[in-house]
Amino acid sequence: MARILVVDDDSMVIRMIGFILKKSGHECTGASCGAQGIAMLRSEAPDLVLLDVEMPGENGMDVLKKIRDDSDISGAKVCLMSGTVDDELRDKAQKLGSLGFLIKPVAAAELMDILKMAEI
């Protein structure tokens, strides 16, 4: 059983992804903003972070950069999520070390593919 942290300002997204993960035997926790997500990453050390790009205030790219710049958590496995994805966004995500990109609404099969990529 893997522990996955979902960071998204939409609580419905966290619930839906949590439902998929729990059906697959995984544990899911949620954070509603980047700062809360970073704090939970530090305290809970999840196996994977699913991070929304489009959040008010600090967006997911900013949060991922903070994660990568912090030696204590820089090795975290992170996958970005967004409702709109273009090549520029994918390139930035890859440069920051994102495992991949999930397009919202998240499909169960695509989520399972990310878990396999993360070796969970």
C-alpha atoms as a PDB file:
ATOM      1  CA  MET A   1       0.000   0.000   0.000  1.00  0.00           C
ATOM      2  CA  ALA A   2       1.389   3.353  -1.057  1.00  0.00           C
ATOM      3  CA  ARG A   3       0.703   6.711   0.536  1.00  0.00           C
ATOM      4  CA  ILE A   4      -0.230   9.402  -1.965  1.00  0.00           C
ATOM      5  CA  LEU A   5      -0.621  13.103  -1.233  1.00  0.00           C
ATOM      6  CA  VAL A   6      -2.999  15.025  -3.510  1.00  0.00           C
ATOM      7  CA  VAL A   7      -2.462  18.801  -3.521  1.00  0.00           C
ATOM      8  CA  ASP A   8      -5.402  20.576  -5.161  1.00  0.00           C
ATOM      9  CA  ASP A   9      -7.545  23.583  -4.263  1.00  0.00           C
ATOM     10  CA  ASP A  10     -10.664  21.662  -5.399  1.00  0.00           C
ATOM     11  CA  SER A  11     -11.796  19.303  -2.630  1.00  0.00           C
ATOM     12  CA  MET A  12     -13.895  17.305  -5.124  1.00  0.00           C
ATOM     13  CA  VAL A  13     -10.750  16.444  -7.102  1.00  0.00           C
ATOM     14  CA  ILE A  14      -9.063  15.234  -3.907  1.00  0.00           C
ATOM     15  CA  ARG A  15     -12.105  13.100  -3.050  1.00  0.00           C
ATOM     16  CA  MET A  16     -12.367  11.578  -6.539  1.00  0.00           C
ATOM     17  CA  ILE A  17      -8.662  10.712  -6.745  1.00  0.00           C
ATOM     18  CA  GLY A  18      -8.814   9.419  -3.174  1.00  0.00           C
ATOM     19  CA  PHE A  19     -11.705   7.142  -4.129  1.00  0.00           C
ATOM     20  CA  ILE A  20      -9.730   5.680  -7.057  1.00  0.00           C
ATOM     21  CA  LEU A  21      -6.623   5.209  -4.927  1.00  0.00           C
ATOM     22  CA  LYS A  22      -8.464   3.602  -2.025  1.00  0.00           C
ATOM     23  CA  LYS A  23     -10.184   1.164  -4.411  1.00  0.00           C
ATOM     24  CA  SER A  24      -6.690   0.200  -5.574  1.00  0.00           C
ATOM     25  CA  GLY A  25      -5.517  -0.397  -2.003  1.00  0.00           C
ATOM     26  CA  HIS A  26      -3.623   2.846  -1.493  1.00  0.00           C
ATOM     27  CA  GLU A  27      -3.836   5.514   1.191  1.00  0.00           C
ATOM     28  CA  CYS A  28      -4.650   9.082   0.150  1.00  0.00           C
ATOM     29  CA  THR A  29      -4.333  12.377   1.992  1.00  0.00           C
ATOM     30  CA  GLY A  30      -5.133  15.816   0.662  1.00  0.00           C
ATOM     31  CA  ALA A  31      -3.841  19.350   0.913  1.00  0.00           C
ATOM     32  CA  SER A  32      -5.691  22.414  -0.360  1.00  0.00           C
ATOM     33  CA  CYS A  33      -2.684  24.623  -1.180  1.00  0.00           C
ATOM     34  CA  GLY A  34       1.005  24.429  -1.940  1.00  0.00           C
ATOM     35  CA  ALA A  35       2.197  25.488   1.519  1.00  0.00           C
ATOM     36  CA  GLN A  36       0.035  22.844   3.187  1.00  0.00           C
ATOM     37  CA  GLY A  37       1.244  20.290   0.646  1.00  0.00           C
ATOM     38  CA  ILE A  38       4.902  21.040   1.361  1.00  0.00           C
ATOM     39  CA  ALA A  39       4.270  20.807   5.113  1.00  0.00           C
ATOM     40  CA  MET A  40       2.556  17.431   4.669  1.00  0.00           C
ATOM     41  CA  LEU A  41       5.333  16.233   2.362  1.00  0.00           C
ATOM     42  CA  ARG A  42       7.807  16.990   5.148  1.00  0.00           C
ATOM     43  CA  SER A  43       5.763  15.432   7.955  1.00  0.00           C
ATOM     44  CA  GLU A  44       4.239  12.405   6.220  1.00  0.00           C
ATOM     45  CA  ALA A  45       6.822  11.518   3.542  1.00  0.00           C
ATOM     46  CA  PRO A  46       4.282  10.172   1.030  1.00  0.00           C
ATOM     47  CA  ASP A  47       5.379   7.805  -1.729  1.00  0.00           C
ATOM     48  CA  LEU A  48       3.973  10.139  -4.391  1.00  0.00           C
ATOM     49  CA  VAL A  49       2.622  13.690  -4.635  1.00  0.00           C
ATOM     50  CA  LEU A  50      -0.061  14.566  -7.183  1.00  0.00           C
ATOM     51  CA  LEU A  51       0.196  18.333  -7.575  1.00  0.00           C
ATOM     52  CA  ASP A  52      -2.310  20.594  -9.325  1.00  0.00           C
ATOM     53  CA  VAL A  53      -0.769  23.267 -11.539  1.00  0.00           C
ATOM     54  CA  GLU A  54      -3.633  25.762 -11.486  1.00  0.00           C
ATOM     55  CA  MET A  55      -4.095  26.836  -7.880  1.00  0.00           C
ATOM     56  CA  PRO A  56      -4.663  30.361  -6.578  1.00  0.00           C
ATOM     57  CA  GLY A  57      -1.613  32.037  -5.092  1.00  0.00           C
ATOM     58  CA  GLU A  58       1.312  29.684  -5.553  1.00  0.00           C
ATOM     59  CA  ASN A  59       0.748  27.516  -8.601  1.00  0.00           C
ATOM     60  CA  GLY A  60       1.950  23.924  -8.889  1.00  0.00           C
ATOM     61  CA  MET A  61       5.054  24.851 -10.877  1.00  0.00           C
ATOM     62  CA  ASP A  62       6.145  27.229  -8.104  1.00  0.00           C
ATOM     63  CA  VAL A  63       5.505  24.537  -5.498  1.00  0.00           C
ATOM     64  CA  LEU A  64       7.428  21.911  -7.480  1.00  0.00           C
ATOM     65  CA  LYS A  65      10.376  24.312  -7.825  1.00  0.00           C
ATOM     66  CA  LYS A  66      10.345  24.844  -4.030  1.00  0.00           C
ATOM     67  CA  ILE A  67      10.313  21.071  -3.514  1.00  0.00           C
ATOM     68  CA  ARG A  68      13.257  20.575  -5.880  1.00  0.00           C
ATOM     69  CA  ASP A  69      15.221  23.429  -4.255  1.00  0.00           C
ATOM     70  CA  ASP A  70      14.800  22.002  -0.720  1.00  0.00           C
ATOM     71  CA  SER A  71      17.406  19.323  -0.006  1.00  0.00           C
ATOM     72  CA  ASP A  72      15.202  17.640   2.620  1.00  0.00           C
ATOM     73  CA  ILE A  73      12.384  16.888   0.163  1.00  0.00           C
ATOM     74  CA  SER A  74      13.978  17.359  -3.271  1.00  0.00           C
ATOM     75  CA  GLY A  75      13.851  13.636  -4.034  1.00  0.00           C
ATOM     76  CA  ALA A  76      10.070  13.416  -3.689  1.00  0.00           C
ATOM     77  CA  LYS A  77       8.202  11.752  -6.543  1.00  0.00           C
ATOM     78  CA  VAL A  78       5.829  14.363  -7.950  1.00  0.00           C
ATOM     79  CA  CYS A  79       3.333  14.215 -10.796  1.00  0.00           C
ATOM     80  CA  LEU A  80       1.653  17.400 -11.972  1.00  0.00           C
ATOM     81  CA  MET A  81      -2.049  17.646 -12.846  1.00  0.00           C
ATOM     82  CA  SER A  82      -3.986  20.195 -14.884  1.00  0.00           C
ATOM     83  CA  GLY A  83      -7.176  20.596 -16.848  1.00  0.00           C
ATOM     84  CA  THR A  84      -5.233  22.259 -19.662  1.00  0.00           C
ATOM     85  CA  VAL A  85      -1.877  20.986 -20.840  1.00  0.00           C
ATOM     86  CA  ASP A  86       0.317  22.239 -23.655  1.00  0.00           C
ATOM     87  CA  ASP A  87       3.840  21.389 -24.798  1.00  0.00           C
ATOM     88  CA  GLU A  88       5.381  24.355 -22.955  1.00  0.00           C
ATOM     89  CA  LEU A  89       3.826  23.238 -19.675  1.00  0.00           C
ATOM     90  CA  ARG A  90       4.970  19.649 -20.243  1.00  0.00           C
ATOM     91  CA  ASP A  91       8.514  20.856 -20.966  1.00  0.00           C
ATOM     92  CA  LYS A  92       8.636  22.954 -17.783  1.00  0.00           C
ATOM     93  CA  ALA A  93       7.286  20.043 -15.764  1.00  0.00           C
ATOM     94  CA  GLN A  94       9.879  17.674 -17.190  1.00  0.00           C
ATOM     95  CA  LYS A  95      12.713  20.133 -16.472  1.00  0.00           C
ATOM     96  CA  LEU A  96      11.559  20.325 -12.848  1.00  0.00           C
ATOM     97  CA  GLY A  97      11.558  16.546 -12.579  1.00  0.00           C
ATOM     98  CA  SER A  98       7.851  15.768 -12.722  1.00  0.00           C
ATOM     99  CA  LEU A  99       7.118  12.059 -13.252  1.00  0.00           C
ATOM    100  CA  GLY A 100       4.491  12.969 -15.779  1.00  0.00           C
ATOM    101  CA  PHE A 101       1.311  14.901 -16.293  1.00  0.00           C
ATOM    102  CA  LEU A 102      -2.223  13.868 -15.431  1.00  0.00           C
ATOM    103  CA  ILE A 103      -5.002  15.609 -17.303  1.00  0.00           C
ATOM    104  CA  LYS A 104      -8.036  16.453 -15.156  1.00  0.00           C
ATOM    105  CA  PRO A 105     -10.518  14.999 -14.738  1.00  0.00           C
ATOM    106  CA  VAL A 106      -8.143  12.192 -13.831  1.00  0.00           C
ATOM    107  CA  ALA A 107      -8.909   8.807 -15.380  1.00  0.00           C
ATOM    108  CA  ALA A 108      -8.270   5.742 -13.228  1.00  0.00           C
ATOM    109  CA  ALA A 109      -6.171   4.035 -15.930  1.00  0.00           C
ATOM    110  CA  GLU A 110      -3.894   7.064 -16.327  1.00  0.00           C
ATOM    111  CA  LEU A 111      -3.509   7.322 -12.563  1.00  0.00           C
ATOM    112  CA  MET A 112      -2.499   3.648 -12.386  1.00  0.00           C
ATOM    113  CA  ASP A 113       0.067   4.300 -15.148  1.00  0.00           C
ATOM    114  CA  ILE A 114       1.619   7.072 -13.024  1.00  0.00           C
ATOM    115  CA  LEU A 115       1.745   4.726 -10.023  1.00  0.00           C
ATOM    116  CA  LYS A 116       3.614   2.185 -12.181  1.00  0.00           C
ATOM    117  CA  MET A 117       6.040   4.882 -13.360  1.00  0.00           C
ATOM    118  CA  ALA A 118       6.622   5.812  -9.722  1.00  0.00           C
ATOM    119  CA  GLU A 119       7.232   2.109  -9.003  1.00  0.00           C
ATOM    120  CA  ILE A 120       4.415   1.989  -6.467  1.00  0.00           C
END
